[in-house]
Amino acid sequence: MFRAAYAWVAVFAFMAGLPLAGLWAAGVSLGPYLEFPPRTQHVGHAPFSWPAFAGLAMAILAVALPFLVRIARTPAPTPTP
């Protein structure tokens, strides 16, 4: 019982501690990451990219199309009397 609790505590400690340790090791100030409540800032997003959309759509189709063709070619089950 307590071993599982210790394991969960260790997991949460690593999830919170390792990113902060990485920032500290890189020499970055931890203050902006620990402020509460966190303040969001406006970020300018990149414009829509049709070539990126087409490339991702083709990659998704290349993966999904064999499965869709296999499903379409499978005959429907016939009811047994």
N, C-alpha and C. Protein backbone atom coordinates (compact mmCIF):
# COMPACT_ATOMS: atom_id res chain seq x y z
N MET A 1 0.83 -1.19 0.00
CA MET A 1 0.00 0.00 0.00
C MET A 1 0.87 1.25 0.00
N PHE A 2 1.83 1.28 0.97
CA PHE A 2 2.68 2.46 1.08
C PHE A 2 3.70 2.52 -0.04
N ARG A 3 4.08 1.36 -0.59
CA ARG A 3 5.03 1.37 -1.70
C ARG A 3 4.41 2.04 -2.91
N ALA A 4 3.14 1.78 -3.16
CA ALA A 4 2.46 2.41 -4.29
C ALA A 4 2.35 3.91 -4.07
N ALA A 5 2.07 4.32 -2.85
CA ALA A 5 1.98 5.75 -2.54
C ALA A 5 3.34 6.42 -2.73
N TYR A 6 4.41 5.76 -2.29
CA TYR A 6 5.75 6.32 -2.49
C TYR A 6 6.08 6.42 -3.97
N ALA A 7 5.66 5.44 -4.74
CA ALA A 7 5.92 5.48 -6.18
C ALA A 7 5.20 6.66 -6.82
N TRP A 8 3.95 6.90 -6.43
CA TRP A 8 3.21 8.03 -6.99
C TRP A 8 3.83 9.36 -6.58
N VAL A 9 4.27 9.45 -5.35
CA VAL A 9 4.92 10.68 -4.89
C VAL A 9 6.20 10.91 -5.69
N ALA A 10 6.95 9.85 -5.93
CA ALA A 10 8.19 9.97 -6.70
C ALA A 10 7.90 10.40 -8.14
N VAL A 11 6.86 9.84 -8.74
CA VAL A 11 6.50 10.22 -10.11
C VAL A 11 6.14 11.69 -10.18
N PHE A 12 5.31 12.16 -9.25
CA PHE A 12 4.91 13.57 -9.28
C PHE A 12 6.09 14.49 -8.97
N ALA A 13 6.99 14.05 -8.09
CA ALA A 13 8.17 14.85 -7.79
C ALA A 13 9.06 14.98 -9.02
N PHE A 14 9.23 13.89 -9.75
CA PHE A 14 10.03 13.95 -10.97
C PHE A 14 9.35 14.81 -12.03
N MET A 15 8.03 14.70 -12.13
CA MET A 15 7.31 15.49 -13.15
C MET A 15 7.42 16.98 -12.88
N ALA A 16 7.45 17.37 -11.63
CA ALA A 16 7.56 18.79 -11.29
C ALA A 16 9.02 19.22 -11.17
N GLY A 17 9.86 18.35 -10.66
CA GLY A 17 11.23 18.73 -10.35
C GLY A 17 12.19 18.71 -11.52
N LEU A 18 12.08 17.73 -12.40
CA LEU A 18 13.04 17.63 -13.48
C LEU A 18 12.98 18.80 -14.47
N PRO A 19 11.80 19.27 -14.88
CA PRO A 19 11.81 20.45 -15.75
C PRO A 19 12.42 21.67 -15.07
N LEU A 20 12.13 21.87 -13.80
CA LEU A 20 12.72 23.00 -13.07
C LEU A 20 14.23 22.81 -12.92
N ALA A 21 14.68 21.59 -12.71
CA ALA A 21 16.12 21.33 -12.61
C ALA A 21 16.81 21.61 -13.95
N GLY A 22 16.14 21.31 -15.04
CA GLY A 22 16.70 21.61 -16.36
C GLY A 22 16.83 23.10 -16.59
N LEU A 23 15.83 23.86 -16.17
CA LEU A 23 15.91 25.32 -16.29
C LEU A 23 17.04 25.87 -15.42
N TRP A 24 17.15 25.35 -14.20
CA TRP A 24 18.19 25.80 -13.30
C TRP A 24 19.57 25.46 -13.85
N ALA A 25 19.72 24.25 -14.43
CA ALA A 25 21.01 23.84 -14.99
C ALA A 25 21.38 24.68 -16.21
N ALA A 26 20.37 25.16 -16.94
CA ALA A 26 20.63 25.99 -18.11
C ALA A 26 20.91 27.44 -17.73
N GLY A 27 20.74 27.77 -16.46
CA GLY A 27 21.01 29.12 -16.01
C GLY A 27 19.87 30.09 -16.23
N VAL A 28 18.67 29.56 -16.46
CA VAL A 28 17.49 30.40 -16.68
C VAL A 28 16.85 30.73 -15.34
N SER A 29 16.33 31.93 -15.22
CA SER A 29 15.66 32.33 -13.99
C SER A 29 14.36 31.53 -13.83
N LEU A 30 14.14 31.00 -12.63
CA LEU A 30 12.94 30.20 -12.37
C LEU A 30 11.73 31.05 -12.02
N GLY A 31 11.93 32.33 -11.74
CA GLY A 31 10.85 33.21 -11.32
C GLY A 31 9.65 33.24 -12.27
N PRO A 32 9.86 33.44 -13.57
CA PRO A 32 8.69 33.48 -14.46
C PRO A 32 7.91 32.17 -14.51
N TYR A 33 8.57 31.06 -14.24
CA TYR A 33 7.91 29.76 -14.30
C TYR A 33 7.17 29.42 -13.00
N LEU A 34 7.51 30.11 -11.91
CA LEU A 34 6.89 29.81 -10.62
C LEU A 34 5.90 30.88 -10.17
N GLU A 35 5.65 31.91 -10.98
CA GLU A 35 4.72 32.96 -10.56
C GLU A 35 3.29 32.44 -10.57
N PHE A 36 2.53 32.93 -9.62
CA PHE A 36 1.13 32.52 -9.52
C PHE A 36 0.30 33.76 -9.24
N PRO A 37 -0.79 33.97 -9.91
CA PRO A 37 -1.31 33.17 -11.01
C PRO A 37 -0.50 33.43 -12.27
N PRO A 38 -0.39 32.41 -13.14
CA PRO A 38 0.38 32.60 -14.36
C PRO A 38 -0.30 33.62 -15.26
N ARG A 39 0.49 34.47 -15.86
CA ARG A 39 -0.04 35.49 -16.76
C ARG A 39 0.27 35.10 -18.19
N THR A 40 -0.75 35.09 -19.00
CA THR A 40 -0.55 34.76 -20.40
C THR A 40 -0.18 36.02 -21.17
N GLN A 41 0.56 35.83 -22.22
CA GLN A 41 0.96 36.93 -23.07
C GLN A 41 0.47 36.63 -24.47
N HIS A 42 0.17 37.71 -25.21
CA HIS A 42 -0.29 37.52 -26.58
C HIS A 42 0.86 37.02 -27.45
N VAL A 43 0.59 35.98 -28.21
CA VAL A 43 1.59 35.40 -29.09
C VAL A 43 1.08 35.51 -30.51
N GLY A 44 1.89 36.03 -31.40
CA GLY A 44 1.51 36.10 -32.81
C GLY A 44 1.69 34.75 -33.47
N HIS A 45 0.63 34.22 -34.01
CA HIS A 45 0.68 32.90 -34.62
C HIS A 45 1.10 33.00 -36.08
N ALA A 46 1.67 31.94 -36.57
CA ALA A 46 2.08 31.88 -37.97
C ALA A 46 0.83 31.80 -38.85
N PRO A 47 0.88 32.33 -40.06
CA PRO A 47 -0.28 32.24 -40.95
C PRO A 47 -0.50 30.80 -41.41
N PHE A 48 -1.71 30.54 -41.91
CA PHE A 48 -2.06 29.21 -42.39
C PHE A 48 -1.18 28.85 -43.58
N SER A 49 -0.69 27.63 -43.62
CA SER A 49 0.20 27.18 -44.69
C SER A 49 -0.47 26.05 -45.47
N TRP A 50 -0.86 26.35 -46.70
CA TRP A 50 -1.48 25.33 -47.53
C TRP A 50 -0.51 24.19 -47.86
N PRO A 51 0.76 24.45 -48.14
CA PRO A 51 1.67 23.31 -48.38
C PRO A 51 1.80 22.39 -47.17
N ALA A 52 1.86 22.96 -45.96
CA ALA A 52 1.93 22.12 -44.77
C ALA A 52 0.64 21.32 -44.60
N PHE A 53 -0.50 21.95 -44.85
CA PHE A 53 -1.77 21.25 -44.75
C PHE A 53 -1.84 20.10 -45.75
N ALA A 54 -1.42 20.36 -47.00
CA ALA A 54 -1.47 19.32 -48.03
C ALA A 54 -0.51 18.18 -47.68
N GLY A 55 0.67 18.50 -47.17
CA GLY A 55 1.62 17.45 -46.81
C GLY A 55 1.11 16.59 -45.68
N LEU A 56 0.53 17.21 -44.65
CA LEU A 56 -0.01 16.43 -43.54
C LEU A 56 -1.22 15.60 -43.97
N ALA A 57 -2.06 16.17 -44.85
CA ALA A 57 -3.22 15.43 -45.33
C ALA A 57 -2.78 14.22 -46.14
N MET A 58 -1.75 14.38 -46.97
CA MET A 58 -1.26 13.24 -47.75
C MET A 58 -0.64 12.17 -46.85
N ALA A 59 0.06 12.59 -45.81
CA ALA A 59 0.64 11.62 -44.88
C ALA A 59 -0.45 10.84 -44.15
N ILE A 60 -1.49 11.53 -43.72
CA ILE A 60 -2.59 10.86 -43.04
C ILE A 60 -3.30 9.90 -43.98
N LEU A 61 -3.53 10.33 -45.22
CA LEU A 61 -4.17 9.45 -46.20
C LEU A 61 -3.30 8.25 -46.52
N ALA A 62 -2.00 8.43 -46.61
CA ALA A 62 -1.10 7.32 -46.90
C ALA A 62 -1.18 6.25 -45.82
N VAL A 63 -1.40 6.66 -44.58
CA VAL A 63 -1.51 5.70 -43.49
C VAL A 63 -2.90 5.10 -43.42
N ALA A 64 -3.94 5.92 -43.60
CA ALA A 64 -5.32 5.46 -43.39
C ALA A 64 -5.91 4.77 -44.61
N LEU A 65 -5.45 5.11 -45.81
CA LEU A 65 -6.09 4.59 -47.02
C LEU A 65 -6.06 3.07 -47.13
N PRO A 66 -4.95 2.38 -46.83
CA PRO A 66 -5.00 0.91 -46.91
C PRO A 66 -6.07 0.30 -45.99
N PHE A 67 -6.23 0.87 -44.82
CA PHE A 67 -7.25 0.35 -43.91
C PHE A 67 -8.65 0.62 -44.45
N LEU A 68 -8.87 1.80 -44.99
CA LEU A 68 -10.18 2.14 -45.54
C LEU A 68 -10.52 1.28 -46.75
N VAL A 69 -9.53 1.01 -47.60
CA VAL A 69 -9.76 0.14 -48.76
C VAL A 69 -10.08 -1.26 -48.29
N ARG A 70 -9.37 -1.75 -47.29
CA ARG A 70 -9.64 -3.10 -46.77
C ARG A 70 -11.05 -3.20 -46.19
N ILE A 71 -11.48 -2.16 -45.49
CA ILE A 71 -12.83 -2.15 -44.93
C ILE A 71 -13.86 -2.10 -46.04
N ALA A 72 -13.60 -1.31 -47.07
CA ALA A 72 -14.57 -1.19 -48.17
C ALA A 72 -14.68 -2.49 -48.96
N ARG A 73 -13.61 -3.26 -49.08
CA ARG A 73 -13.63 -4.50 -49.85
C ARG A 73 -14.16 -5.69 -49.09
N THR A 74 -14.28 -5.59 -47.80
CA THR A 74 -14.77 -6.70 -47.00
C THR A 74 -16.27 -6.86 -47.23
N PRO A 75 -16.70 -8.06 -47.62
CA PRO A 75 -18.13 -8.24 -47.86
C PRO A 75 -18.93 -8.19 -46.56
N ALA A 76 -20.16 -7.73 -46.70
CA ALA A 76 -21.04 -7.66 -45.53
C ALA A 76 -21.42 -9.08 -45.10
N PRO A 77 -21.52 -9.31 -43.81
CA PRO A 77 -21.89 -10.65 -43.36
C PRO A 77 -23.34 -10.96 -43.76
N THR A 78 -23.55 -12.19 -44.17
CA THR A 78 -24.91 -12.60 -44.55
C THR A 78 -25.59 -13.21 -43.33
N PRO A 79 -26.85 -12.89 -43.13
CA PRO A 79 -27.55 -13.44 -41.96
C PRO A 79 -27.77 -14.93 -42.13
N THR A 80 -27.61 -15.66 -41.07
CA THR A 80 -27.85 -17.10 -41.10
C THR A 80 -29.29 -17.38 -40.69
N PRO A 81 -29.91 -18.28 -41.41
CA PRO A 81 -31.33 -18.57 -41.07
C PRO A 81 -31.51 -19.33 -39.80
